[in-house]
Amino acid sequence: MRMPIIASHIKRRVLTRPAWVLWMLVLLLTGGSALFAQDAVSSGKWTKKGYEVEGEWRIVEKNGGYVLELTGGFATKKAPDLKLFLSKKSAAELSNRNATEGATLIGNLESARGAQSYRLPANMDPKGFKTLVLHCEKYSKLWAVSPLR
């Protein structure tokens, strides 16, 4: 009995392809988030506190330390003094008044748009923190937060 043309094509082409075909299917079905989350110590999306922030982020282990990576889809409103922090407080506990209390500075935000990377301070383990914080220090304005997972 002859197989229909489509079934025959699938059997010959798809099932005999290398593993990258499977990865392509996973990426298509997950919208690319499977690749982004790979090897991440923590990752997430932003929650608005003062202003909208688009895009995802992740913390990865690299060269004996940790790096915070913001995706190419990162976008927010420009401000004069936006900084990234890791806080031991939960996202629900954070406000304009206490956003940086006991938090560790990661660095000044390089740009309001696009992919960016920030090396975390030496000997810092992100597993000891609860929340990633974006804060405008000049105006004491809590921009956005994201729980570490």
N, C-alpha and C. Protein backbone atom coordinates (compact mmCIF):
# COMPACT_ATOMS: atom_id res chain seq x y z
N MET A 1 0.84 -1.18 0.00
CA MET A 1 0.00 0.00 0.00
C MET A 1 0.89 1.24 0.00
N ARG A 2 0.56 2.20 -0.82
CA ARG A 2 1.34 3.42 -0.94
C ARG A 2 0.89 4.43 0.10
N MET A 3 1.88 5.13 0.69
CA MET A 3 1.57 6.19 1.64
C MET A 3 1.15 7.43 0.88
N PRO A 4 0.27 8.22 1.48
CA PRO A 4 -0.04 9.50 0.84
C PRO A 4 1.25 10.31 0.68
N ILE A 5 1.28 11.20 -0.27
CA ILE A 5 2.48 11.97 -0.57
C ILE A 5 2.98 12.73 0.65
N ILE A 6 2.09 13.38 1.41
CA ILE A 6 2.51 14.17 2.57
C ILE A 6 3.13 13.27 3.63
N ALA A 7 2.50 12.14 3.96
CA ALA A 7 3.02 11.24 4.98
C ALA A 7 4.38 10.69 4.54
N SER A 8 4.53 10.37 3.29
CA SER A 8 5.80 9.87 2.77
C SER A 8 6.89 10.93 2.92
N HIS A 9 6.55 12.16 2.58
CA HIS A 9 7.50 13.27 2.69
C HIS A 9 7.93 13.46 4.15
N ILE A 10 6.99 13.43 5.06
CA ILE A 10 7.32 13.60 6.49
C ILE A 10 8.22 12.48 6.95
N LYS A 11 7.90 11.26 6.58
CA LYS A 11 8.69 10.12 7.02
C LYS A 11 10.12 10.22 6.52
N ARG A 12 10.30 10.60 5.26
CA ARG A 12 11.65 10.68 4.70
C ARG A 12 12.41 11.90 5.17
N ARG A 13 11.78 13.06 5.23
CA ARG A 13 12.48 14.32 5.46
C ARG A 13 12.59 14.70 6.94
N VAL A 14 11.47 14.76 7.62
CA VAL A 14 11.45 15.28 8.97
C VAL A 14 12.04 14.29 9.97
N LEU A 15 11.66 13.04 9.88
CA LEU A 15 12.11 12.08 10.87
C LEU A 15 13.58 11.71 10.72
N THR A 16 14.16 11.99 9.58
CA THR A 16 15.57 11.66 9.40
C THR A 16 16.48 12.89 9.54
N ARG A 17 15.93 14.06 9.81
CA ARG A 17 16.72 15.28 9.98
C ARG A 17 17.48 15.25 11.29
N PRO A 18 18.55 16.04 11.41
CA PRO A 18 19.29 16.14 12.66
C PRO A 18 18.45 16.76 13.78
N ALA A 19 19.00 16.77 14.96
CA ALA A 19 18.29 17.26 16.14
C ALA A 19 17.89 18.72 16.04
N TRP A 20 18.55 19.49 15.18
CA TRP A 20 18.21 20.91 15.09
C TRP A 20 16.79 21.13 14.62
N VAL A 21 16.22 20.19 13.89
CA VAL A 21 14.83 20.30 13.46
C VAL A 21 13.91 20.29 14.68
N LEU A 22 14.21 19.42 15.63
CA LEU A 22 13.44 19.37 16.86
C LEU A 22 13.54 20.70 17.60
N TRP A 23 14.74 21.25 17.66
CA TRP A 23 14.93 22.55 18.32
C TRP A 23 14.14 23.65 17.61
N MET A 24 14.12 23.62 16.30
CA MET A 24 13.36 24.62 15.55
C MET A 24 11.87 24.52 15.87
N LEU A 25 11.37 23.30 15.98
CA LEU A 25 9.97 23.12 16.34
C LEU A 25 9.68 23.64 17.74
N VAL A 26 10.58 23.34 18.66
CA VAL A 26 10.41 23.83 20.04
C VAL A 26 10.40 25.35 20.05
N LEU A 27 11.32 25.97 19.32
CA LEU A 27 11.38 27.43 19.26
C LEU A 27 10.11 28.02 18.66
N LEU A 28 9.62 27.40 17.61
CA LEU A 28 8.39 27.89 16.99
C LEU A 28 7.20 27.77 17.93
N LEU A 29 7.12 26.66 18.63
CA LEU A 29 5.98 26.42 19.53
C LEU A 29 6.04 27.26 20.80
N THR A 30 7.24 27.62 21.24
CA THR A 30 7.37 28.40 22.48
C THR A 30 7.63 29.87 22.22
N GLY A 31 7.63 30.28 20.98
CA GLY A 31 7.89 31.68 20.65
C GLY A 31 9.32 32.09 20.94
N GLY A 32 10.25 31.14 20.99
CA GLY A 32 11.66 31.44 21.23
C GLY A 32 12.05 31.47 22.68
N SER A 33 11.08 31.40 23.60
CA SER A 33 11.42 31.51 25.02
C SER A 33 12.22 30.31 25.52
N ALA A 34 12.11 29.16 24.85
CA ALA A 34 12.88 28.00 25.28
C ALA A 34 14.38 28.25 25.12
N LEU A 35 14.77 28.90 24.04
CA LEU A 35 16.17 29.21 23.82
C LEU A 35 16.64 30.27 24.81
N PHE A 36 15.79 31.26 25.06
CA PHE A 36 16.16 32.34 25.97
C PHE A 36 16.37 31.83 27.39
N ALA A 37 15.54 30.90 27.85
CA ALA A 37 15.62 30.42 29.23
C ALA A 37 16.73 29.40 29.43
N GLN A 38 17.34 28.92 28.35
CA GLN A 38 18.38 27.91 28.45
C GLN A 38 19.56 28.42 29.26
N ASP A 39 20.00 27.63 30.22
CA ASP A 39 21.15 27.94 31.08
C ASP A 39 20.94 29.14 32.00
N ALA A 40 19.72 29.62 32.14
CA ALA A 40 19.46 30.76 33.01
C ALA A 40 19.38 30.32 34.46
N VAL A 41 20.05 31.08 35.34
CA VAL A 41 19.93 30.88 36.78
C VAL A 41 18.57 31.41 37.22
N SER A 42 18.14 32.50 36.59
CA SER A 42 16.84 33.12 36.85
C SER A 42 16.44 33.89 35.60
N SER A 43 15.13 34.05 35.40
CA SER A 43 14.65 34.81 34.26
C SER A 43 13.24 35.30 34.54
N GLY A 44 12.80 36.28 33.77
CA GLY A 44 11.45 36.77 33.99
C GLY A 44 11.07 37.93 33.10
N LYS A 45 9.90 38.48 33.42
CA LYS A 45 9.36 39.65 32.73
C LYS A 45 9.11 40.74 33.77
N TRP A 46 9.02 41.96 33.31
CA TRP A 46 8.87 43.11 34.18
C TRP A 46 7.42 43.34 34.59
N THR A 47 7.24 43.86 35.81
CA THR A 47 5.94 44.29 36.31
C THR A 47 6.01 45.79 36.56
N LYS A 48 5.06 46.51 36.00
CA LYS A 48 5.03 47.97 36.12
C LYS A 48 4.80 48.39 37.57
N LYS A 49 5.62 49.33 38.04
CA LYS A 49 5.38 50.00 39.33
C LYS A 49 5.12 51.47 39.05
N GLY A 50 5.94 52.10 38.21
CA GLY A 50 5.76 53.49 37.84
C GLY A 50 5.57 53.66 36.34
N TYR A 51 6.33 52.85 35.56
CA TYR A 51 6.30 52.94 34.10
C TYR A 51 6.37 51.55 33.50
N GLU A 52 5.83 51.43 32.29
CA GLU A 52 5.87 50.16 31.57
C GLU A 52 7.31 49.83 31.17
N VAL A 53 7.65 48.56 31.27
CA VAL A 53 8.93 48.05 30.79
C VAL A 53 8.61 46.79 29.99
N GLU A 54 9.03 46.75 28.75
CA GLU A 54 8.79 45.60 27.89
C GLU A 54 10.05 44.74 27.81
N GLY A 55 9.86 43.50 27.43
CA GLY A 55 10.99 42.60 27.23
C GLY A 55 11.20 41.66 28.40
N GLU A 56 12.13 40.76 28.20
CA GLU A 56 12.47 39.77 29.21
C GLU A 56 13.92 39.96 29.63
N TRP A 57 14.29 39.30 30.70
CA TRP A 57 15.65 39.35 31.21
C TRP A 57 16.02 37.95 31.70
N ARG A 58 17.31 37.75 31.88
CA ARG A 58 17.78 36.51 32.49
C ARG A 58 19.13 36.75 33.15
N ILE A 59 19.44 35.94 34.12
CA ILE A 59 20.76 35.95 34.75
C ILE A 59 21.40 34.61 34.41
N VAL A 60 22.59 34.68 33.82
CA VAL A 60 23.31 33.48 33.42
C VAL A 60 24.68 33.45 34.10
N GLU A 61 25.19 32.25 34.25
CA GLU A 61 26.53 32.08 34.81
C GLU A 61 27.53 32.10 33.67
N LYS A 62 28.54 32.99 33.76
CA LYS A 62 29.56 33.11 32.71
C LYS A 62 30.91 33.41 33.34
N ASN A 63 31.92 32.68 32.91
CA ASN A 63 33.31 32.94 33.32
C ASN A 63 33.48 33.11 34.82
N GLY A 64 32.86 32.22 35.58
CA GLY A 64 33.02 32.24 37.04
C GLY A 64 32.21 33.31 37.76
N GLY A 65 31.32 33.99 37.05
CA GLY A 65 30.48 35.01 37.66
C GLY A 65 29.09 34.98 37.04
N TYR A 66 28.32 35.99 37.32
CA TYR A 66 26.95 36.07 36.79
C TYR A 66 26.78 37.32 35.95
N VAL A 67 25.91 37.20 34.93
CA VAL A 67 25.64 38.31 34.03
C VAL A 67 24.12 38.46 33.90
N LEU A 68 23.64 39.70 34.05
CA LEU A 68 22.24 40.02 33.79
C LEU A 68 22.14 40.41 32.33
N GLU A 69 21.25 39.75 31.59
CA GLU A 69 21.05 40.05 30.17
C GLU A 69 19.62 40.52 29.96
N LEU A 70 19.47 41.69 29.34
CA LEU A 70 18.17 42.19 28.94
C LEU A 70 17.99 41.85 27.47
N THR A 71 16.81 41.39 27.07
CA THR A 71 16.59 40.96 25.69
C THR A 71 16.55 42.13 24.73
N GLY A 72 16.61 41.82 23.45
CA GLY A 72 16.51 42.84 22.41
C GLY A 72 15.17 43.56 22.43
N GLY A 73 14.15 42.94 23.04
CA GLY A 73 12.84 43.54 23.14
C GLY A 73 12.69 44.49 24.32
N PHE A 74 13.79 44.70 25.05
CA PHE A 74 13.73 45.60 26.21
C PHE A 74 13.41 47.02 25.75
N ALA A 75 12.44 47.65 26.43
CA ALA A 75 12.09 49.03 26.11
C ALA A 75 11.36 49.66 27.29
N THR A 76 11.73 50.89 27.60
CA THR A 76 11.05 51.67 28.63
C THR A 76 11.20 53.15 28.32
N LYS A 77 10.56 53.98 29.12
CA LYS A 77 10.67 55.43 28.97
C LYS A 77 12.06 55.88 29.41
N LYS A 78 12.63 56.85 28.72
CA LYS A 78 13.94 57.39 29.10
C LYS A 78 13.82 58.17 30.40
N ALA A 79 14.88 58.13 31.19
CA ALA A 79 14.96 58.90 32.44
C ALA A 79 16.42 59.21 32.70
N PRO A 80 16.72 60.24 33.49
CA PRO A 80 18.10 60.68 33.68
C PRO A 80 18.98 59.75 34.53
N ASP A 81 18.40 58.91 35.38
CA ASP A 81 19.24 58.17 36.32
C ASP A 81 18.69 56.78 36.62
N LEU A 82 18.34 56.02 35.58
CA LEU A 82 17.81 54.67 35.78
C LEU A 82 18.93 53.71 36.14
N LYS A 83 18.69 52.92 37.18
CA LYS A 83 19.68 51.95 37.65
C LYS A 83 19.01 50.61 37.91
N LEU A 84 19.80 49.56 37.77
CA LEU A 84 19.35 48.20 38.04
C LEU A 84 19.90 47.75 39.40
N PHE A 85 19.03 47.13 40.19
CA PHE A 85 19.40 46.62 41.51
C PHE A 85 18.87 45.20 41.68
N LEU A 86 19.47 44.46 42.59
CA LEU A 86 18.90 43.22 43.09
C LEU A 86 18.53 43.48 44.54
N SER A 87 17.31 43.10 44.91
CA SER A 87 16.80 43.35 46.25
C SER A 87 16.46 42.04 46.95
N LYS A 88 16.63 42.04 48.27
CA LYS A 88 16.25 40.88 49.07
C LYS A 88 14.78 40.96 49.49
N LYS A 89 14.13 42.08 49.15
CA LYS A 89 12.71 42.24 49.44
C LYS A 89 11.90 41.66 48.27
N SER A 90 10.68 41.24 48.58
CA SER A 90 9.79 40.75 47.51
C SER A 90 9.29 41.95 46.70
N ALA A 91 8.81 41.69 45.51
CA ALA A 91 8.29 42.75 44.64
C ALA A 91 7.13 43.48 45.32
N ALA A 92 6.30 42.76 46.05
CA ALA A 92 5.15 43.38 46.72
C ALA A 92 5.57 44.34 47.82
N GLU A 93 6.72 44.11 48.45
CA GLU A 93 7.20 44.96 49.54
C GLU A 93 7.82 46.27 49.05
N LEU A 94 8.22 46.33 47.79
CA LEU A 94 8.97 47.47 47.29
C LEU A 94 8.09 48.66 46.92
N SER A 95 8.59 49.85 47.26
CA SER A 95 7.90 51.10 46.94
C SER A 95 8.94 52.15 46.57
N ASN A 96 8.50 53.36 46.22
CA ASN A 96 9.43 54.45 45.92
C ASN A 96 10.38 54.70 47.08
N ARG A 97 9.86 54.64 48.29
CA ARG A 97 10.66 54.96 49.49
C ARG A 97 11.74 53.94 49.83
N ASN A 98 11.45 52.65 49.62
CA ASN A 98 12.38 51.62 50.09
C ASN A 98 13.02 50.79 48.97
N ALA A 99 12.85 51.20 47.72
CA ALA A 99 13.29 50.38 46.58
C ALA A 99 14.77 50.01 46.62
N THR A 100 15.61 50.91 47.14
CA THR A 100 17.05 50.62 47.13
C THR A 100 17.61 50.28 48.51
N GLU A 101 16.77 50.30 49.54
CA GLU A 101 17.25 49.95 50.90
C GLU A 101 17.73 48.51 50.94
N GLY A 102 18.97 48.31 51.27
CA GLY A 102 19.54 46.96 51.35
C GLY A 102 19.72 46.28 50.01
N ALA A 103 19.46 46.99 48.91
CA ALA A 103 19.61 46.42 47.57
C ALA A 103 21.05 46.57 47.09
N THR A 104 21.43 45.71 46.18
CA THR A 104 22.78 45.75 45.60
C THR A 104 22.71 46.33 44.19
N LEU A 105 23.49 47.37 43.95
CA LEU A 105 23.53 48.01 42.64
C LEU A 105 24.21 47.09 41.62
N ILE A 106 23.54 46.89 40.50
CA ILE A 106 24.14 46.15 39.38
C ILE A 106 24.82 47.13 38.44
N GLY A 107 24.14 48.25 38.16
CA GLY A 107 24.74 49.25 37.29
C GLY A 107 23.72 50.23 36.76
N ASN A 108 24.22 51.28 36.11
CA ASN A 108 23.37 52.25 35.44
C ASN A 108 22.81 51.63 34.17
N LEU A 109 21.54 51.88 33.89
CA LEU A 109 20.94 51.39 32.65
C LEU A 109 21.64 52.06 31.48
N GLU A 110 22.16 51.26 30.56
CA GLU A 110 22.91 51.80 29.42
C GLU A 110 22.02 52.49 28.40
N SER A 111 20.81 51.95 28.20
CA SER A 111 19.92 52.48 27.18
C SER A 111 18.48 52.12 27.55
N ALA A 112 17.54 52.94 27.12
CA ALA A 112 16.13 52.67 27.37
C ALA A 112 15.57 51.63 26.39
N ARG A 113 16.38 51.20 25.44
CA ARG A 113 15.93 50.22 24.45
C ARG A 113 17.06 49.26 24.08
N GLY A 114 16.64 48.01 23.78
CA GLY A 114 17.57 47.05 23.20
C GLY A 114 18.27 46.13 24.17
N ALA A 115 18.95 45.15 23.59
CA ALA A 115 19.68 44.14 24.35
C ALA A 115 20.86 44.76 25.08
N GLN A 116 21.07 44.32 26.32
CA GLN A 116 22.16 44.84 27.15
C GLN A 116 22.63 43.75 28.10
N SER A 117 23.87 43.84 28.53
CA SER A 117 24.43 42.89 29.50
C SER A 117 25.14 43.64 30.61
N TYR A 118 24.99 43.12 31.83
CA TYR A 118 25.61 43.72 33.02
C TYR A 118 26.23 42.62 33.86
N ARG A 119 27.52 42.74 34.13
CA ARG A 119 28.18 41.78 35.01
C ARG A 119 27.80 42.11 36.45
N LEU A 120 27.32 41.09 37.19
CA LEU A 120 26.99 41.29 38.59
C LEU A 120 28.28 41.45 39.39
N PRO A 121 28.22 42.18 40.51
CA PRO A 121 29.42 42.35 41.34
C PRO A 121 30.07 41.01 41.69
N ALA A 122 31.40 41.01 41.81
CA ALA A 122 32.15 39.79 42.12
C ALA A 122 31.64 39.16 43.40
N ASN A 123 31.68 37.85 43.45
CA ASN A 123 31.26 37.06 44.61
C ASN A 123 29.79 37.23 44.99
N MET A 124 28.98 37.76 44.09
CA MET A 124 27.56 37.93 44.36
C MET A 124 26.79 36.75 43.80
N ASP A 125 25.99 36.11 44.65
CA ASP A 125 25.16 34.99 44.23
C ASP A 125 23.72 35.47 44.12
N PRO A 126 23.15 35.52 42.91
CA PRO A 126 21.79 36.02 42.75
C PRO A 126 20.73 35.18 43.45
N LYS A 127 21.09 33.97 43.84
CA LYS A 127 20.12 33.10 44.52
C LYS A 127 19.74 33.64 45.90
N GLY A 128 20.52 34.58 46.43
CA GLY A 128 20.21 35.17 47.72
C GLY A 128 19.28 36.38 47.63
N PHE A 129 18.76 36.67 46.43
CA PHE A 129 17.91 37.84 46.22
C PHE A 129 16.53 37.41 45.74
N LYS A 130 15.56 38.32 45.92
CA LYS A 130 14.18 38.00 45.53
C LYS A 130 13.69 38.76 44.31
N THR A 131 14.24 39.98 44.08
CA THR A 131 13.64 40.84 43.06
C THR A 131 14.68 41.63 42.27
N LEU A 132 14.47 41.72 40.97
CA LEU A 132 15.23 42.61 40.11
C LEU A 132 14.47 43.93 40.07
N VAL A 133 15.19 45.04 40.26
CA VAL A 133 14.56 46.35 40.40
C VAL A 133 15.12 47.32 39.36
N LEU A 134 14.24 48.08 38.72
CA LEU A 134 14.64 49.19 37.85
C LEU A 134 14.13 50.45 38.54
N HIS A 135 15.06 51.36 38.88
CA HIS A 135 14.73 52.50 39.74
C HIS A 135 15.41 53.76 39.22
N CYS A 136 14.69 54.89 39.27
CA CYS A 136 15.27 56.19 38.92
C CYS A 136 15.72 56.84 40.22
N GLU A 137 17.02 56.88 40.44
CA GLU A 137 17.54 57.42 41.70
C GLU A 137 17.37 58.93 41.81
N LYS A 138 17.51 59.64 40.72
CA LYS A 138 17.42 61.10 40.77
C LYS A 138 16.08 61.56 41.33
N TYR A 139 14.99 60.87 40.95
CA TYR A 139 13.66 61.25 41.39
C TYR A 139 13.04 60.26 42.38
N SER A 140 13.84 59.31 42.87
CA SER A 140 13.35 58.27 43.81
C SER A 140 12.07 57.62 43.30
N LYS A 141 12.09 57.21 42.03
CA LYS A 141 10.91 56.63 41.41
C LYS A 141 11.16 55.17 41.07
N LEU A 142 10.35 54.30 41.67
CA LEU A 142 10.43 52.88 41.35
C LEU A 142 9.77 52.65 40.00
N TRP A 143 10.56 52.21 39.03
CA TRP A 143 10.12 52.08 37.65
C TRP A 143 9.37 50.76 37.45
N ALA A 144 10.07 49.65 37.74
CA ALA A 144 9.50 48.32 37.51
C ALA A 144 10.26 47.30 38.33
N VAL A 145 9.64 46.14 38.52
CA VAL A 145 10.25 45.05 39.29
C VAL A 145 9.99 43.73 38.58
N SER A 146 10.75 42.72 38.99
CA SER A 146 10.52 41.37 38.48
C SER A 146 11.05 40.37 39.50
N PRO A 147 10.21 39.45 39.95
CA PRO A 147 10.68 38.44 40.90
C PRO A 147 11.72 37.53 40.27
N LEU A 148 12.72 37.14 41.04
CA LEU A 148 13.69 36.16 40.57
C LEU A 148 13.07 34.78 40.70
N ARG A 149 13.25 33.95 39.70
CA ARG A 149 12.69 32.60 39.73
C ARG A 149 13.80 31.61 39.59
